Amino acid sequence: MKIIHITIIWYRAAINGDVPDKICPVIIPGSETSPTAKSELIIGIKDASNDLSRPTYLKKYIKHKKFYQLSGEDATQLAFLAQGGDGVISVTANIAPKKVSDLHKSWFAGDILKAMKIDTELFSLNNALFLEANPCPVKYAAFKLGICNYELRLPLCKILEKNELIVDNVLKDLNITFD
């Protein structure tokens, strides 16, 4: 119900034409009196804006409740944590769940160097999985690992052969397997 409430607020703003280029002012508070800050029903946000200042900004205005901030951008998840984020809703974790989990465990355990090492290891995979529109590259990677078939429904289509080779090489270089 809480996530649906966020969705409803987002669509109301979009229908009213209140959505600027980067953010939705109904969800992102500008003061302690904004709907996000006041409502006990809104408990968090998935932020794929790539604005790494947002976690700090939100913490400034939402102090009276725990407000979860999850990155929706795999390539910047560690930087998002460093700015005060709480986690990630990850595409990469579908292919390398242990690595993404270990990154977060290391970060929250205070082992920043280990988290940075894992983040560096994931760099090429994060990029490969977004060479084309999501979820096509991740579906291909999952297929190559034997997790699923490679059937896509329209309007989705298979990724370009040159991008298949990139994904194949990244999976091989990182020694990612599905056991």
Foldseek 3Di string as FASTA:
>chain_A
DLVVVVVVQVVVCVVVVQADPQGRPQCQDPACPRPNQPDPSHAEDADASPPLLRQVSRCVHRPPHHHAYAYAQLLCRLSNVVNPHDYYPDLVCLQVVVLRVVLNVCVVVVVPVSNVVSSVLCNLVSVLCVPDDPPQSSLLSCVVQVNDPNDDDPPDDHDDPVSSVSSVVSCVVSVGHDD
